[in-house]
């Protein structure tokens, strides 16, 4: 009951009832608690098939912000309940997109899509995880060709990403996988395996439960 009093009522009304570029299924809402920062361009699109919770209050007296930032022609599709905890940033750059299923994203995570991300159902993201589909600055070879263009990220169902892990452009993480703490993923991780290292590699087969 106490969480209701920590809701940012004006943002809740604006986002769910006054924003024409946010399309909601019946009974779904963006739920912005205090210290939620929301900047959605008028030409961006948000599609809610489930609830999106911003800055879920857990730590009494915390002033940490949670940021949702979507630039022009960016698109966010929410297919399952998504919880963004304090200190987290979810950002879609111009003409980028994120499609995401049910997800619990822990404190101080950063997720930024310049290209496209597709994230399955049941994602568990630990603290300080970074997910980026672009390097955001061009690197050229001796012939002047760009060698680090943005590349899509694909994350399957029921994936657990450990604390301080980094997921980079082109990563493909199979269903049921675990990415170990501190791992750096820029390639393919087999489904149902534990991945560790820099660059991360798949090791033993695993099963996990939340």
N, C-alpha and C. Protein backbone atom coordinates (compact mmCIF):
# COMPACT_ATOMS: atom_id res chain seq x y z
N UNK A 1 0.83 -1.21 0.00
CA UNK A 1 0.00 0.00 0.00
C UNK A 1 0.86 1.26 0.00
N UNK A 2 2.00 1.20 0.77
CA UNK A 2 2.86 2.37 0.87
C UNK A 2 3.44 2.80 -0.46
N UNK A 3 3.64 1.86 -1.39
CA UNK A 3 4.21 2.21 -2.69
C UNK A 3 3.31 3.15 -3.48
N UNK A 4 2.00 3.09 -3.26
CA UNK A 4 1.07 3.97 -3.97
C UNK A 4 1.40 5.43 -3.71
N UNK A 5 1.79 5.74 -2.48
CA UNK A 5 2.08 7.12 -2.10
C UNK A 5 3.42 7.60 -2.65
N UNK A 6 4.21 6.69 -3.19
CA UNK A 6 5.49 7.06 -3.79
C UNK A 6 5.39 7.17 -5.31
N UNK A 7 4.21 6.97 -5.83
CA UNK A 7 3.98 7.09 -7.27
C UNK A 7 4.03 8.56 -7.69
N UNK A 8 4.63 8.83 -8.85
CA UNK A 8 4.59 10.17 -9.43
C UNK A 8 3.28 10.29 -10.20
N UNK A 9 2.27 10.84 -9.54
CA UNK A 9 0.91 10.84 -10.08
C UNK A 9 0.82 11.59 -11.40
N UNK A 10 1.45 12.78 -11.48
CA UNK A 10 1.35 13.56 -12.71
C UNK A 10 1.97 12.81 -13.88
N UNK A 11 3.15 12.23 -13.68
CA UNK A 11 3.78 11.47 -14.77
C UNK A 11 2.90 10.28 -15.16
N UNK A 12 2.31 9.61 -14.17
CA UNK A 12 1.43 8.48 -14.46
C UNK A 12 0.29 8.90 -15.37
N UNK A 13 -0.35 10.00 -15.06
CA UNK A 13 -1.48 10.48 -15.87
C UNK A 13 -1.00 10.89 -17.26
N UNK A 14 0.08 11.65 -17.31
CA UNK A 14 0.59 12.14 -18.59
C UNK A 14 0.97 10.99 -19.52
N UNK A 15 1.71 10.03 -18.99
CA UNK A 15 2.21 8.95 -19.83
C UNK A 15 1.10 8.01 -20.29
N UNK A 16 0.17 7.73 -19.43
CA UNK A 16 -0.83 6.70 -19.73
C UNK A 16 -2.12 7.22 -20.36
N UNK A 17 -2.40 8.51 -20.19
CA UNK A 17 -3.68 9.03 -20.68
C UNK A 17 -3.56 10.25 -21.59
N UNK A 18 -2.40 10.90 -21.60
CA UNK A 18 -2.26 12.13 -22.39
C UNK A 18 -1.22 12.02 -23.50
N UNK A 19 -0.53 10.91 -23.60
CA UNK A 19 0.53 10.75 -24.61
C UNK A 19 0.03 9.88 -25.75
N UNK A 20 -0.17 10.49 -26.90
CA UNK A 20 -0.74 9.78 -28.05
C UNK A 20 0.22 8.75 -28.64
N UNK A 21 1.50 8.91 -28.39
CA UNK A 21 2.47 7.97 -28.97
C UNK A 21 2.76 6.78 -28.06
N UNK A 22 2.01 6.65 -26.98
CA UNK A 22 2.11 5.47 -26.11
C UNK A 22 0.82 4.67 -26.25
N UNK A 23 0.92 3.49 -26.83
CA UNK A 23 -0.24 2.63 -27.07
C UNK A 23 -0.25 1.51 -26.02
N UNK A 24 -1.38 1.35 -25.33
CA UNK A 24 -1.47 0.40 -24.22
C UNK A 24 -2.59 -0.60 -24.44
N UNK A 25 -2.30 -1.87 -24.15
CA UNK A 25 -3.38 -2.83 -24.01
C UNK A 25 -4.17 -2.49 -22.75
N UNK A 26 -5.41 -2.89 -22.70
CA UNK A 26 -6.25 -2.62 -21.54
C UNK A 26 -5.60 -3.17 -20.27
N UNK A 27 -5.53 -2.33 -19.24
CA UNK A 27 -4.98 -2.76 -17.96
C UNK A 27 -3.47 -2.69 -17.85
N UNK A 28 -2.79 -2.19 -18.88
CA UNK A 28 -1.34 -2.04 -18.83
C UNK A 28 -0.97 -0.57 -18.69
N UNK A 29 0.10 -0.31 -17.96
CA UNK A 29 0.49 1.07 -17.68
C UNK A 29 2.00 1.19 -17.57
N UNK A 30 2.49 2.41 -17.81
CA UNK A 30 3.82 2.79 -17.32
C UNK A 30 3.61 3.28 -15.89
N UNK A 31 4.37 2.72 -14.96
CA UNK A 31 4.21 3.05 -13.54
C UNK A 31 5.48 3.77 -13.06
N UNK A 32 5.47 5.11 -13.08
CA UNK A 32 6.67 5.86 -12.70
C UNK A 32 6.64 6.26 -11.22
N UNK A 33 7.53 5.68 -10.45
CA UNK A 33 7.66 6.11 -9.06
C UNK A 33 8.55 7.36 -8.99
N UNK A 34 8.62 7.96 -7.82
CA UNK A 34 9.39 9.19 -7.65
C UNK A 34 10.83 9.01 -8.12
N UNK A 35 11.38 10.10 -8.64
CA UNK A 35 12.74 10.13 -9.19
C UNK A 35 12.87 9.32 -10.48
N UNK A 36 11.74 9.09 -11.14
CA UNK A 36 11.77 8.55 -12.50
C UNK A 36 11.92 9.71 -13.48
N UNK A 37 12.87 9.59 -14.39
CA UNK A 37 13.07 10.60 -15.43
C UNK A 37 12.63 10.00 -16.75
N UNK A 38 11.64 10.61 -17.38
CA UNK A 38 11.07 10.07 -18.62
C UNK A 38 11.13 11.14 -19.70
N UNK A 39 11.78 10.81 -20.81
CA UNK A 39 11.89 11.73 -21.95
C UNK A 39 11.60 10.92 -23.21
N UNK A 40 10.38 11.02 -23.71
CA UNK A 40 9.96 10.28 -24.90
C UNK A 40 9.64 11.28 -25.99
N UNK A 41 10.40 11.25 -27.07
CA UNK A 41 10.20 12.18 -28.18
C UNK A 41 8.79 12.02 -28.76
N UNK A 42 8.24 13.12 -29.26
CA UNK A 42 6.88 13.08 -29.81
C UNK A 42 6.78 12.17 -31.03
N UNK A 43 7.91 11.89 -31.69
CA UNK A 43 7.91 11.00 -32.85
C UNK A 43 8.34 9.58 -32.51
N UNK A 44 8.58 9.32 -31.23
CA UNK A 44 8.90 7.96 -30.78
C UNK A 44 7.61 7.20 -30.52
N UNK A 45 7.74 5.88 -30.36
CA UNK A 45 6.57 5.04 -30.11
C UNK A 45 6.85 4.05 -28.99
N UNK A 46 5.87 3.92 -28.10
CA UNK A 46 5.91 2.91 -27.04
C UNK A 46 4.65 2.06 -27.17
N UNK A 47 4.83 0.74 -27.16
CA UNK A 47 3.71 -0.19 -27.24
C UNK A 47 3.75 -1.07 -26.00
N UNK A 48 2.71 -1.00 -25.19
CA UNK A 48 2.65 -1.77 -23.95
C UNK A 48 1.66 -2.91 -24.08
N UNK A 49 2.19 -4.14 -24.03
CA UNK A 49 1.34 -5.32 -23.89
C UNK A 49 1.39 -5.82 -22.44
N UNK A 50 2.18 -5.14 -21.62
CA UNK A 50 2.32 -5.46 -20.20
C UNK A 50 2.83 -4.21 -19.49
N UNK A 51 2.95 -4.30 -18.19
CA UNK A 51 3.31 -3.15 -17.35
C UNK A 51 4.80 -2.85 -17.41
N UNK A 52 5.14 -1.56 -17.38
CA UNK A 52 6.52 -1.09 -17.29
C UNK A 52 6.66 -0.28 -16.01
N UNK A 53 7.46 -0.78 -15.06
CA UNK A 53 7.60 -0.15 -13.75
C UNK A 53 8.95 0.56 -13.69
N UNK A 54 8.92 1.85 -13.34
CA UNK A 54 10.13 2.67 -13.29
C UNK A 54 10.46 3.03 -11.84
N UNK A 55 11.68 2.72 -11.42
CA UNK A 55 12.22 3.11 -10.12
C UNK A 55 11.39 2.55 -8.96
N UNK A 56 11.16 1.25 -9.02
CA UNK A 56 10.42 0.57 -7.96
C UNK A 56 11.02 0.90 -6.59
N UNK A 57 10.24 1.49 -5.68
CA UNK A 57 10.80 1.92 -4.39
C UNK A 57 11.14 0.74 -3.49
N UNK A 58 12.40 0.67 -3.09
CA UNK A 58 12.88 -0.42 -2.24
C UNK A 58 13.73 0.08 -1.08
N UNK A 59 14.51 1.14 -1.32
CA UNK A 59 15.45 1.64 -0.32
C UNK A 59 14.92 2.96 0.22
N UNK A 60 14.56 2.97 1.48
CA UNK A 60 13.97 4.15 2.10
C UNK A 60 14.91 5.34 2.02
N UNK A 61 14.39 6.47 1.51
CA UNK A 61 15.17 7.70 1.42
C UNK A 61 16.07 7.80 0.21
N UNK A 62 16.09 6.79 -0.66
CA UNK A 62 16.96 6.83 -1.84
C UNK A 62 16.51 7.93 -2.81
N UNK A 63 17.48 8.65 -3.35
CA UNK A 63 17.21 9.70 -4.34
C UNK A 63 17.67 9.28 -5.74
N UNK A 64 18.08 8.03 -5.89
CA UNK A 64 18.57 7.58 -7.20
C UNK A 64 17.47 7.66 -8.24
N UNK A 65 17.87 8.06 -9.45
CA UNK A 65 16.92 8.18 -10.55
C UNK A 65 16.93 6.92 -11.42
N UNK A 66 15.81 6.69 -12.06
CA UNK A 66 15.71 5.72 -13.14
C UNK A 66 15.29 6.49 -14.39
N UNK A 67 15.96 6.22 -15.51
CA UNK A 67 15.74 7.02 -16.72
C UNK A 67 15.20 6.17 -17.86
N UNK A 68 14.12 6.66 -18.47
CA UNK A 68 13.58 6.09 -19.71
C UNK A 68 13.67 7.19 -20.76
N UNK A 69 14.46 6.95 -21.82
CA UNK A 69 14.76 7.98 -22.80
C UNK A 69 14.61 7.38 -24.19
N UNK A 70 13.68 7.90 -24.99
CA UNK A 70 13.45 7.38 -26.33
C UNK A 70 13.47 8.54 -27.32
N UNK A 71 14.41 8.51 -28.24
CA UNK A 71 14.56 9.59 -29.22
C UNK A 71 13.65 9.40 -30.42
N UNK A 72 13.69 10.39 -31.32
CA UNK A 72 12.79 10.43 -32.47
C UNK A 72 12.81 9.15 -33.30
N UNK A 73 11.62 8.63 -33.60
CA UNK A 73 11.43 7.41 -34.38
C UNK A 73 11.98 6.16 -33.69
N UNK A 74 12.37 6.29 -32.45
CA UNK A 74 12.72 5.11 -31.66
C UNK A 74 11.46 4.37 -31.24
N UNK A 75 11.61 3.08 -30.93
CA UNK A 75 10.44 2.28 -30.58
C UNK A 75 10.77 1.32 -29.44
N UNK A 76 9.87 1.28 -28.46
CA UNK A 76 9.97 0.34 -27.35
C UNK A 76 8.70 -0.49 -27.30
N UNK A 77 8.85 -1.82 -27.37
CA UNK A 77 7.71 -2.74 -27.28
C UNK A 77 7.90 -3.60 -26.04
N UNK A 78 6.93 -3.54 -25.14
CA UNK A 78 6.99 -4.28 -23.88
C UNK A 78 5.99 -5.43 -23.93
N UNK A 79 6.51 -6.67 -23.99
CA UNK A 79 5.65 -7.85 -24.13
C UNK A 79 5.38 -8.58 -22.82
N UNK A 80 6.11 -8.23 -21.77
CA UNK A 80 5.92 -8.82 -20.45
C UNK A 80 6.25 -7.78 -19.41
N UNK A 81 5.84 -7.98 -18.17
CA UNK A 81 6.10 -6.99 -17.13
C UNK A 81 7.60 -6.74 -16.99
N UNK A 82 7.98 -5.46 -17.07
CA UNK A 82 9.38 -5.05 -16.96
C UNK A 82 9.54 -4.15 -15.74
N UNK A 83 10.49 -4.49 -14.88
CA UNK A 83 10.79 -3.69 -13.70
C UNK A 83 12.19 -3.11 -13.84
N UNK A 84 12.28 -1.77 -13.81
CA UNK A 84 13.56 -1.08 -13.83
C UNK A 84 13.81 -0.53 -12.43
N UNK A 85 14.85 -1.01 -11.77
CA UNK A 85 15.12 -0.57 -10.40
C UNK A 85 16.01 0.68 -10.39
N UNK A 86 16.25 1.23 -9.22
CA UNK A 86 16.88 2.54 -9.11
C UNK A 86 18.26 2.58 -9.77
N UNK A 87 18.56 3.73 -10.38
CA UNK A 87 19.84 3.94 -11.03
C UNK A 87 19.94 3.39 -12.43
N UNK A 88 18.89 2.76 -12.91
CA UNK A 88 18.92 2.11 -14.23
C UNK A 88 18.54 3.09 -15.34
N UNK A 89 19.18 2.92 -16.50
CA UNK A 89 18.86 3.69 -17.70
C UNK A 89 18.43 2.74 -18.81
N UNK A 90 17.28 3.03 -19.41
CA UNK A 90 16.81 2.32 -20.61
C UNK A 90 16.64 3.37 -21.69
N UNK A 91 17.44 3.27 -22.74
CA UNK A 91 17.48 4.32 -23.76
C UNK A 91 17.40 3.73 -25.15
N UNK A 92 16.55 4.31 -25.99
CA UNK A 92 16.45 3.94 -27.40
C UNK A 92 16.84 5.16 -28.22
N UNK A 93 17.89 5.02 -29.01
CA UNK A 93 18.37 6.13 -29.83
C UNK A 93 17.47 6.33 -31.06
N UNK A 94 17.74 7.37 -31.79
CA UNK A 94 16.96 7.71 -32.98
C UNK A 94 16.90 6.52 -33.94
N UNK A 95 15.67 6.10 -34.27
CA UNK A 95 15.36 5.01 -35.21
C UNK A 95 15.79 3.63 -34.69
N UNK A 96 16.19 3.55 -33.44
CA UNK A 96 16.50 2.26 -32.84
C UNK A 96 15.24 1.61 -32.28
N UNK A 97 15.39 0.38 -31.77
CA UNK A 97 14.23 -0.28 -31.17
C UNK A 97 14.67 -1.30 -30.13
N UNK A 98 13.82 -1.48 -29.14
CA UNK A 98 13.96 -2.55 -28.15
C UNK A 98 12.62 -3.25 -28.04
N UNK A 99 12.64 -4.56 -28.22
CA UNK A 99 11.48 -5.40 -27.93
C UNK A 99 11.86 -6.29 -26.76
N UNK A 100 11.07 -6.26 -25.69
CA UNK A 100 11.47 -6.94 -24.46
C UNK A 100 10.30 -7.66 -23.82
N UNK A 101 10.55 -8.87 -23.34
CA UNK A 101 9.55 -9.63 -22.60
C UNK A 101 9.67 -9.36 -21.11
N UNK A 102 9.14 -10.26 -20.31
CA UNK A 102 9.20 -10.10 -18.86
C UNK A 102 10.65 -9.99 -18.41
N UNK A 103 10.94 -8.96 -17.60
CA UNK A 103 12.33 -8.72 -17.20
C UNK A 103 12.40 -8.04 -15.85
N UNK A 104 13.38 -8.44 -15.06
CA UNK A 104 13.69 -7.79 -13.78
C UNK A 104 15.10 -7.24 -13.89
N UNK A 105 15.21 -5.91 -13.94
CA UNK A 105 16.49 -5.26 -14.22
C UNK A 105 16.95 -4.55 -12.96
N UNK A 106 18.04 -5.01 -12.41
CA UNK A 106 18.48 -4.57 -11.10
C UNK A 106 19.14 -3.19 -11.15
N UNK A 107 19.59 -2.73 -9.97
CA UNK A 107 20.08 -1.37 -9.80
C UNK A 107 21.27 -1.06 -10.71
N UNK A 108 21.28 0.17 -11.24
CA UNK A 108 22.43 0.75 -11.94
C UNK A 108 22.80 0.04 -13.24
N UNK A 109 21.84 -0.64 -13.84
CA UNK A 109 22.07 -1.22 -15.18
C UNK A 109 21.91 -0.14 -16.25
N UNK A 110 22.56 -0.35 -17.39
CA UNK A 110 22.46 0.58 -18.53
C UNK A 110 22.17 -0.23 -19.79
N UNK A 111 21.06 0.11 -20.45
CA UNK A 111 20.67 -0.57 -21.69
C UNK A 111 20.41 0.50 -22.73
N UNK A 112 21.21 0.52 -23.81
CA UNK A 112 21.07 1.54 -24.84
C UNK A 112 21.07 0.87 -26.21
N UNK A 113 20.02 1.14 -26.99
CA UNK A 113 19.90 0.58 -28.35
C UNK A 113 19.99 1.69 -29.38
N UNK A 114 21.01 1.60 -30.23
CA UNK A 114 21.11 2.48 -31.40
C UNK A 114 20.56 1.78 -32.62
N UNK A 115 20.70 0.46 -32.64
CA UNK A 115 20.20 -0.38 -33.71
C UNK A 115 18.94 -1.08 -33.20
N UNK A 116 19.02 -2.39 -32.98
CA UNK A 116 17.84 -3.14 -32.54
C UNK A 116 18.23 -4.19 -31.50
N UNK A 117 17.40 -4.32 -30.49
CA UNK A 117 17.55 -5.37 -29.49
C UNK A 117 16.25 -6.15 -29.40
N UNK A 118 16.37 -7.47 -29.34
CA UNK A 118 15.21 -8.32 -29.10
C UNK A 118 15.52 -9.19 -27.89
N UNK A 119 14.72 -9.02 -26.84
CA UNK A 119 14.97 -9.69 -25.57
C UNK A 119 13.76 -10.54 -25.22
N UNK A 120 14.00 -11.80 -24.93
CA UNK A 120 12.91 -12.74 -24.66
C UNK A 120 12.29 -12.58 -23.28
N UNK A 121 11.56 -13.60 -22.85
CA UNK A 121 10.83 -13.58 -21.60
C UNK A 121 11.68 -14.14 -20.46
N UNK A 122 11.57 -13.53 -19.28
CA UNK A 122 12.25 -14.08 -18.11
C UNK A 122 13.68 -13.63 -17.94
N UNK A 123 14.02 -12.43 -18.43
CA UNK A 123 15.39 -11.92 -18.28
C UNK A 123 15.62 -11.46 -16.84
N UNK A 124 16.77 -11.84 -16.29
CA UNK A 124 17.20 -11.37 -14.98
C UNK A 124 18.54 -10.66 -15.15
N UNK A 125 18.56 -9.36 -14.86
CA UNK A 125 19.76 -8.54 -15.02
C UNK A 125 20.25 -8.12 -13.64
N UNK A 126 21.50 -8.42 -13.34
CA UNK A 126 22.09 -8.08 -12.04
C UNK A 126 22.58 -6.63 -12.04
N UNK A 127 23.14 -6.21 -10.90
CA UNK A 127 23.60 -4.84 -10.76
C UNK A 127 24.74 -4.50 -11.72
N UNK A 128 24.73 -3.24 -12.17
CA UNK A 128 25.83 -2.67 -12.96
C UNK A 128 26.08 -3.36 -14.30
N UNK A 129 25.08 -4.03 -14.81
CA UNK A 129 25.20 -4.63 -16.15
C UNK A 129 25.08 -3.53 -17.21
N UNK A 130 25.84 -3.69 -18.30
CA UNK A 130 25.78 -2.76 -19.43
C UNK A 130 25.44 -3.55 -20.69
N UNK A 131 24.41 -3.10 -21.43
CA UNK A 131 24.02 -3.73 -22.69
C UNK A 131 23.98 -2.64 -23.76
N UNK A 132 24.86 -2.73 -24.76
CA UNK A 132 24.99 -1.71 -25.80
C UNK A 132 25.12 -2.39 -27.16
N UNK A 133 24.31 -1.95 -28.13
CA UNK A 133 24.43 -2.54 -29.47
C UNK A 133 25.28 -1.69 -30.41
N UNK A 134 25.94 -0.68 -29.86
CA UNK A 134 26.80 0.20 -30.65
C UNK A 134 27.97 0.66 -29.79
N UNK A 135 29.10 0.98 -30.46
CA UNK A 135 30.23 1.60 -29.76
C UNK A 135 30.05 3.12 -29.68
N UNK A 136 29.12 3.66 -30.48
CA UNK A 136 28.73 5.07 -30.48
C UNK A 136 29.79 6.01 -31.05
N UNK A 137 30.95 5.50 -31.37
CA UNK A 137 31.99 6.29 -32.04
C UNK A 137 32.59 5.41 -33.13
N UNK A 138 32.81 5.99 -34.30
CA UNK A 138 33.28 5.21 -35.45
C UNK A 138 34.77 4.90 -35.34
N UNK A 139 35.11 3.66 -35.70
CA UNK A 139 36.50 3.25 -35.82
C UNK A 139 36.73 2.83 -37.27
N UNK A 140 37.76 3.41 -37.91
CA UNK A 140 38.06 3.11 -39.31
C UNK A 140 39.38 2.36 -39.45
N UNK A 141 39.44 1.51 -40.48
CA UNK A 141 40.71 0.86 -40.79
C UNK A 141 41.56 1.77 -41.68
N UNK A 142 42.68 1.26 -42.16
CA UNK A 142 43.60 2.09 -42.95
C UNK A 142 42.98 2.57 -44.25
N UNK A 143 41.98 1.83 -44.75
CA UNK A 143 41.31 2.23 -45.99
C UNK A 143 40.14 3.19 -45.74
N UNK A 144 39.88 3.51 -44.49
CA UNK A 144 38.80 4.43 -44.15
C UNK A 144 37.45 3.78 -43.98
N UNK A 145 37.39 2.44 -44.05
CA UNK A 145 36.11 1.74 -43.88
C UNK A 145 35.80 1.59 -42.39
N UNK A 146 34.55 1.80 -42.05
CA UNK A 146 34.12 1.66 -40.66
C UNK A 146 34.11 0.18 -40.28
N UNK A 147 34.72 -0.14 -39.17
CA UNK A 147 34.84 -1.55 -38.77
C UNK A 147 34.03 -1.88 -37.51
N UNK A 148 33.27 -0.92 -37.02
CA UNK A 148 32.49 -1.18 -35.79
C UNK A 148 31.06 -0.67 -35.91
N UNK A 149 30.42 -1.00 -37.03
CA UNK A 149 29.02 -0.59 -37.21
C UNK A 149 28.13 -1.22 -36.14
N UNK A 150 27.03 -0.54 -35.76
CA UNK A 150 26.10 -1.13 -34.79
C UNK A 150 25.56 -2.47 -35.29
N UNK A 151 25.35 -3.39 -34.38
CA UNK A 151 24.81 -4.72 -34.72
C UNK A 151 23.76 -5.12 -33.70
N UNK A 152 22.73 -5.78 -34.18
CA UNK A 152 21.62 -6.17 -33.31
C UNK A 152 22.08 -7.08 -32.18
N UNK A 153 21.37 -7.00 -31.07
CA UNK A 153 21.56 -7.90 -29.93
C UNK A 153 20.32 -8.76 -29.78
N UNK A 154 20.52 -10.06 -29.61
CA UNK A 154 19.42 -11.01 -29.41
C UNK A 154 19.65 -11.76 -28.10
N UNK A 155 18.67 -11.71 -27.21
CA UNK A 155 18.75 -12.42 -25.94
C UNK A 155 17.52 -13.31 -25.82
N UNK A 156 17.72 -14.61 -25.63
CA UNK A 156 16.61 -15.55 -25.59
C UNK A 156 15.85 -15.52 -24.27
N UNK A 157 14.90 -16.44 -24.14
CA UNK A 157 14.10 -16.55 -22.92
C UNK A 157 14.95 -17.07 -21.75
N UNK A 158 14.57 -16.64 -20.54
CA UNK A 158 15.12 -17.19 -19.30
C UNK A 158 16.65 -17.10 -19.27
N UNK A 159 17.14 -15.87 -19.40
CA UNK A 159 18.58 -15.61 -19.37
C UNK A 159 18.92 -14.80 -18.11
N UNK A 160 20.01 -15.19 -17.47
CA UNK A 160 20.49 -14.49 -16.27
C UNK A 160 21.84 -13.86 -16.60
N UNK A 161 21.92 -12.53 -16.45
CA UNK A 161 23.16 -11.80 -16.71
C UNK A 161 23.73 -11.33 -15.37
N UNK A 162 24.94 -11.79 -15.05
CA UNK A 162 25.54 -11.55 -13.75
C UNK A 162 26.08 -10.15 -13.55
N UNK A 163 26.39 -9.82 -12.31
CA UNK A 163 26.83 -8.49 -11.92
C UNK A 163 28.06 -8.05 -12.72
N UNK A 164 28.04 -6.79 -13.15
CA UNK A 164 29.15 -6.16 -13.87
C UNK A 164 29.44 -6.77 -15.24
N UNK A 165 28.54 -7.58 -15.76
CA UNK A 165 28.73 -8.12 -17.11
C UNK A 165 28.46 -7.04 -18.15
N UNK A 166 29.07 -7.20 -19.33
CA UNK A 166 28.89 -6.26 -20.43
C UNK A 166 28.47 -7.04 -21.68
N UNK A 167 27.37 -6.61 -22.28
CA UNK A 167 26.86 -7.23 -23.51
C UNK A 167 27.02 -6.21 -24.63
N UNK A 168 27.77 -6.58 -25.66
CA UNK A 168 28.13 -5.63 -26.72
C UNK A 168 27.47 -5.98 -28.05
N UNK A 169 27.63 -5.09 -29.02
CA UNK A 169 26.99 -5.20 -30.33
C UNK A 169 27.24 -6.59 -30.92
N UNK A 170 26.19 -7.16 -31.50
CA UNK A 170 26.30 -8.46 -32.14
C UNK A 170 26.12 -9.64 -31.23
N UNK A 171 25.93 -9.42 -29.94
CA UNK A 171 25.78 -10.54 -29.01
C UNK A 171 24.50 -11.31 -29.29
N UNK A 172 24.60 -12.64 -29.21
CA UNK A 172 23.45 -13.53 -29.33
C UNK A 172 23.52 -14.52 -28.17
N UNK A 173 22.58 -14.39 -27.25
CA UNK A 173 22.60 -15.22 -26.04
C UNK A 173 21.41 -16.16 -26.07
N UNK A 174 21.68 -17.45 -26.07
CA UNK A 174 20.63 -18.45 -26.20
C UNK A 174 19.78 -18.59 -24.95
N UNK A 175 18.60 -19.15 -25.13
CA UNK A 175 17.65 -19.35 -24.03
C UNK A 175 18.28 -20.18 -22.91
N UNK A 176 17.98 -19.79 -21.66
CA UNK A 176 18.43 -20.55 -20.51
C UNK A 176 19.87 -20.35 -20.12
N UNK A 177 20.58 -19.46 -20.81
CA UNK A 177 22.00 -19.25 -20.53
C UNK A 177 22.21 -18.39 -19.29
N UNK A 178 23.40 -18.52 -18.71
CA UNK A 178 23.86 -17.64 -17.63
C UNK A 178 25.14 -16.96 -18.10
N UNK A 179 25.18 -15.64 -17.98
CA UNK A 179 26.39 -14.87 -18.26
C UNK A 179 27.02 -14.53 -16.91
N UNK A 180 28.22 -15.01 -16.68
CA UNK A 180 28.86 -14.87 -15.37
C UNK A 180 29.23 -13.43 -15.06
N UNK A 181 29.44 -13.15 -13.78
CA UNK A 181 29.84 -11.83 -13.32
C UNK A 181 31.11 -11.38 -14.04
N UNK A 182 31.07 -10.14 -14.55
CA UNK A 182 32.24 -9.56 -15.19
C UNK A 182 32.52 -10.02 -16.60
N UNK A 183 31.71 -10.91 -17.15
CA UNK A 183 31.93 -11.40 -18.51
C UNK A 183 31.66 -10.30 -19.54
N UNK A 184 32.32 -10.41 -20.68
CA UNK A 184 32.11 -9.48 -21.80
C UNK A 184 31.67 -10.31 -23.00
N UNK A 185 30.44 -10.07 -23.46
CA UNK A 185 29.84 -10.87 -24.54
C UNK A 185 29.70 -10.01 -25.79
N UNK A 186 30.33 -10.47 -26.88
CA UNK A 186 30.18 -9.79 -28.15
C UNK A 186 29.91 -10.78 -29.27
N UNK A 187 29.66 -12.03 -28.91
CA UNK A 187 29.43 -13.08 -29.89
C UNK A 187 28.27 -13.96 -29.47
N UNK A 188 28.36 -15.24 -29.81
CA UNK A 188 27.26 -16.16 -29.58
C UNK A 188 27.50 -17.00 -28.32
N UNK A 189 26.47 -17.05 -27.47
CA UNK A 189 26.48 -17.91 -26.29
C UNK A 189 25.41 -18.99 -26.49
N UNK A 190 25.81 -20.24 -26.38
CA UNK A 190 24.87 -21.35 -26.63
C UNK A 190 23.78 -21.38 -25.57
N UNK A 191 22.60 -21.82 -25.98
CA UNK A 191 21.50 -21.92 -25.03
C UNK A 191 21.82 -22.94 -23.94
N UNK A 192 21.35 -22.64 -22.72
CA UNK A 192 21.51 -23.57 -21.61
C UNK A 192 22.93 -23.77 -21.14
N UNK A 193 23.80 -22.77 -21.36
CA UNK A 193 25.20 -22.90 -20.92
C UNK A 193 25.59 -21.73 -20.03
N UNK A 194 26.67 -21.94 -19.28
CA UNK A 194 27.30 -20.89 -18.49
C UNK A 194 28.40 -20.26 -19.34
N UNK A 195 28.40 -18.91 -19.43
CA UNK A 195 29.42 -18.21 -20.20
C UNK A 195 30.25 -17.33 -19.27
N UNK A 196 31.56 -17.31 -19.50
CA UNK A 196 32.44 -16.51 -18.65
C UNK A 196 33.62 -16.03 -19.48
N UNK A 197 34.30 -15.00 -18.98
CA UNK A 197 35.53 -14.53 -19.59
C UNK A 197 35.37 -13.30 -20.46
N UNK A 198 36.50 -12.86 -21.03
CA UNK A 198 36.55 -11.72 -21.94
C UNK A 198 37.53 -12.04 -23.07
N UNK A 199 37.02 -12.38 -24.26
CA UNK A 199 35.60 -12.49 -24.62
C UNK A 199 34.96 -13.73 -23.99
N UNK A 200 33.67 -13.63 -23.71
CA UNK A 200 32.96 -14.72 -23.04
C UNK A 200 32.84 -15.94 -23.96
N UNK A 201 32.96 -17.12 -23.35
CA UNK A 201 32.77 -18.38 -24.06
C UNK A 201 31.82 -19.27 -23.28
N UNK A 202 31.11 -20.12 -23.99
CA UNK A 202 30.21 -21.08 -23.35
C UNK A 202 31.02 -22.22 -22.74
N UNK A 203 30.67 -22.58 -21.52
CA UNK A 203 31.33 -23.70 -20.85
C UNK A 203 30.29 -24.78 -20.54
N UNK A 204 30.10 -25.13 -19.30
CA UNK A 204 29.24 -26.26 -18.95
C UNK A 204 27.76 -25.96 -19.16
N UNK A 205 27.01 -27.03 -19.42
CA UNK A 205 25.55 -26.92 -19.51
C UNK A 205 24.99 -26.67 -18.12
N UNK A 206 23.96 -25.81 -18.03
CA UNK A 206 23.39 -25.45 -16.74
C UNK A 206 21.87 -25.34 -16.82
N UNK A 207 21.26 -25.44 -15.65
CA UNK A 207 19.86 -25.08 -15.45
C UNK A 207 19.83 -24.08 -14.30
N UNK A 208 18.91 -23.13 -14.34
CA UNK A 208 18.84 -22.19 -13.22
C UNK A 208 17.40 -21.78 -12.95
N UNK A 209 17.17 -21.36 -11.70
CA UNK A 209 15.87 -20.89 -11.27
C UNK A 209 16.02 -19.56 -10.56
N UNK A 210 15.02 -18.70 -10.71
CA UNK A 210 15.03 -17.41 -10.02
C UNK A 210 14.59 -17.62 -8.57
